[in-house]
Amino acid sequence: MSALNVTGTNPGPNVDVLPDTIQLPTGNMWKVGIFQLSLTPTIVATITTVEEAFANTGIGLLTTDVVEVTSVAAQTVGVGIVNARVSAADTLSIQFMNPTAAGVTPVSGLYNVVVYRIQPNWVKPASGNQFDW
């Protein structure tokens, strides 16, 4: 088995070790995790949105984390998940929407939580495009 280094050249015949040049990713994403939490949301009043906080998730969420939330089961008719954030340490806040003419309760049960953790030492560039640094 041969290994190619990042320039596409072979560092030697039948090399079975890592390439001799390591290419590091560029960007500010440090970790990504997918977790399932069992949640029991409360009723959402008619024609409104409400943010519900779920503390002590056990994930170890940081306020700098970016999160996405979906329910594992089909969501209750009329309920939408319109935002999710980490509002405090290890506290997941989900904003539910109800556009119907009656109060509805979001489905209780498992929710998928995707967590994107930003590098703790990442600093945006002093000038120019942040994405192409």
Protein backbone atom coordinates (compact mmCIF):
# COMPACT_ATOMS: atom_id res chain seq x y z
CA MET A 1 0.00 0.00 0.00
CA SER A 2 1.36 3.43 -0.81
CA ALA A 3 0.49 6.76 0.76
CA LEU A 4 0.55 10.09 -1.04
CA ASN A 5 1.49 13.29 0.66
CA VAL A 6 -0.56 16.47 0.20
CA THR A 7 1.24 17.42 -3.02
CA GLY A 8 0.14 14.14 -4.58
CA THR A 9 3.64 12.68 -4.72
CA ASN A 10 4.58 9.31 -3.31
CA PRO A 11 7.21 9.64 -0.55
CA GLY A 12 8.55 6.18 -1.38
CA PRO A 13 7.60 2.73 -2.62
CA ASN A 14 5.23 0.66 -0.49
CA VAL A 15 5.07 3.19 2.31
CA ASP A 16 2.41 2.19 4.82
CA VAL A 17 2.75 5.13 7.21
CA LEU A 18 1.04 8.50 7.19
CA PRO A 19 2.11 10.95 4.48
CA ASP A 20 5.22 12.93 5.36
CA THR A 21 3.35 16.25 5.17
CA ILE A 22 0.30 16.80 7.35
CA GLN A 23 -2.40 19.08 6.01
CA LEU A 24 -4.36 20.81 8.75
CA PRO A 25 -7.90 22.05 8.18
CA THR A 26 -8.45 25.78 8.07
CA GLY A 27 -11.42 27.18 9.88
CA ASN A 28 -12.95 27.74 13.28
CA MET A 29 -14.91 24.49 13.80
CA TRP A 30 -13.38 22.37 16.51
CA LYS A 31 -15.87 19.59 17.26
CA VAL A 32 -19.24 18.36 16.00
CA GLY A 33 -21.47 16.07 18.05
CA ILE A 34 -24.92 14.57 17.63
CA PHE A 35 -26.89 13.76 20.78
CA GLN A 36 -30.38 12.59 21.64
CA LEU A 37 -32.21 14.16 24.55
CA SER A 38 -35.55 13.15 26.02
CA LEU A 39 -37.55 16.37 26.34
CA THR A 40 -41.05 17.21 27.57
CA PRO A 41 -42.05 20.63 26.19
CA THR A 42 -45.06 22.51 27.55
CA ILE A 43 -48.07 23.88 25.68
CA VAL A 44 -47.58 26.70 23.18
CA ALA A 45 -50.40 29.24 23.18
CA THR A 46 -52.33 30.07 20.04
CA ILE A 47 -50.70 32.20 17.35
CA THR A 48 -47.42 32.73 19.15
CA THR A 49 -43.84 31.58 19.61
CA VAL A 50 -42.31 30.63 22.93
CA GLU A 51 -38.79 29.72 23.98
CA GLU A 52 -38.49 26.81 26.40
CA ALA A 53 -35.26 26.15 28.30
CA PHE A 54 -34.08 22.64 29.14
CA ALA A 55 -31.33 22.82 31.79
CA ASN A 56 -28.76 20.21 32.81
CA THR A 57 -28.76 18.42 29.46
CA GLY A 58 -25.67 16.39 30.34
CA ILE A 59 -24.06 17.34 27.03
CA GLY A 60 -21.90 20.07 28.55
CA LEU A 61 -23.13 22.81 26.24
CA LEU A 62 -21.28 26.13 26.10
CA THR A 63 -22.90 29.45 25.26
CA THR A 64 -20.53 29.72 22.28
CA ASP A 65 -21.84 26.45 20.76
CA VAL A 66 -24.10 26.51 17.72
CA VAL A 67 -26.98 23.99 17.85
CA GLU A 68 -29.61 22.51 15.54
CA VAL A 69 -32.62 20.63 16.96
CA THR A 70 -35.12 18.24 15.36
CA SER A 71 -37.64 15.89 16.92
CA VAL A 72 -37.17 12.16 16.28
CA ALA A 73 -40.93 11.53 16.06
CA ALA A 74 -43.27 13.49 13.84
CA GLN A 75 -43.91 16.86 15.46
CA THR A 76 -47.38 17.73 16.69
CA VAL A 77 -49.52 19.23 13.91
CA GLY A 78 -49.21 23.01 13.99
CA VAL A 79 -45.91 23.12 15.91
CA GLY A 80 -42.69 24.34 14.37
CA ILE A 81 -39.17 24.52 15.78
CA VAL A 82 -38.02 27.93 14.65
CA ASN A 83 -34.80 28.48 16.64
CA ALA A 84 -32.45 26.76 19.04
CA ARG A 85 -29.58 28.15 21.08
CA VAL A 86 -27.53 27.60 24.21
CA SER A 87 -28.90 30.21 26.61
CA ALA A 88 -26.64 29.29 29.57
CA ALA A 89 -24.07 26.63 30.40
CA ASP A 90 -25.55 23.20 29.60
CA THR A 91 -28.98 24.75 28.93
CA LEU A 92 -30.65 24.15 25.58
CA SER A 93 -33.34 26.66 24.61
CA ILE A 94 -35.76 25.80 21.81
CA GLN A 95 -38.21 28.26 20.30
CA PHE A 96 -41.50 26.64 19.28
CA MET A 97 -44.08 28.28 17.00
CA ASN A 98 -47.84 27.71 16.96
CA PRO A 99 -49.73 29.45 14.13
CA THR A 100 -53.00 27.60 14.82
CA ALA A 101 -56.19 28.84 16.50
CA ALA A 102 -55.71 26.61 19.56
CA GLY A 103 -52.93 25.87 22.03
CA VAL A 104 -50.78 22.85 21.09
CA THR A 105 -48.10 20.90 22.92
CA PRO A 106 -44.93 19.91 21.05
CA VAL A 107 -44.23 16.19 20.96
CA SER A 108 -42.58 14.72 24.07
CA GLY A 109 -39.75 12.27 23.58
CA LEU A 110 -36.41 12.15 21.83
CA TYR A 111 -34.94 15.18 20.10
CA ASN A 112 -31.76 15.17 18.00
CA VAL A 113 -29.33 17.91 18.97
CA VAL A 114 -26.42 18.69 16.64
CA VAL A 115 -23.73 20.71 18.39
CA TYR A 116 -21.03 22.66 16.55
CA ARG A 117 -18.21 23.75 18.86
CA ILE A 118 -16.00 26.64 17.76
CA GLN A 119 -12.24 26.56 18.36
CA PRO A 120 -11.60 28.31 21.67
CA ASN A 121 -8.58 30.20 20.30
CA TRP A 122 -10.14 31.29 16.99
CA VAL A 123 -10.01 35.02 16.30
CA LYS A 124 -11.41 36.60 13.17
CA PRO A 125 -8.84 38.28 10.91
CA ALA A 126 -8.18 41.99 11.42
CA SER A 127 -9.33 42.78 7.88
CA GLY A 128 -10.71 41.12 4.80
CA ASN A 129 -13.10 38.27 4.33
CA GLN A 130 -13.47 36.15 7.46
CA PHE A 131 -14.29 33.02 5.48
CA ASP A 132 -11.20 33.05 3.27
CA TRP A 133 -8.53 33.62 5.88
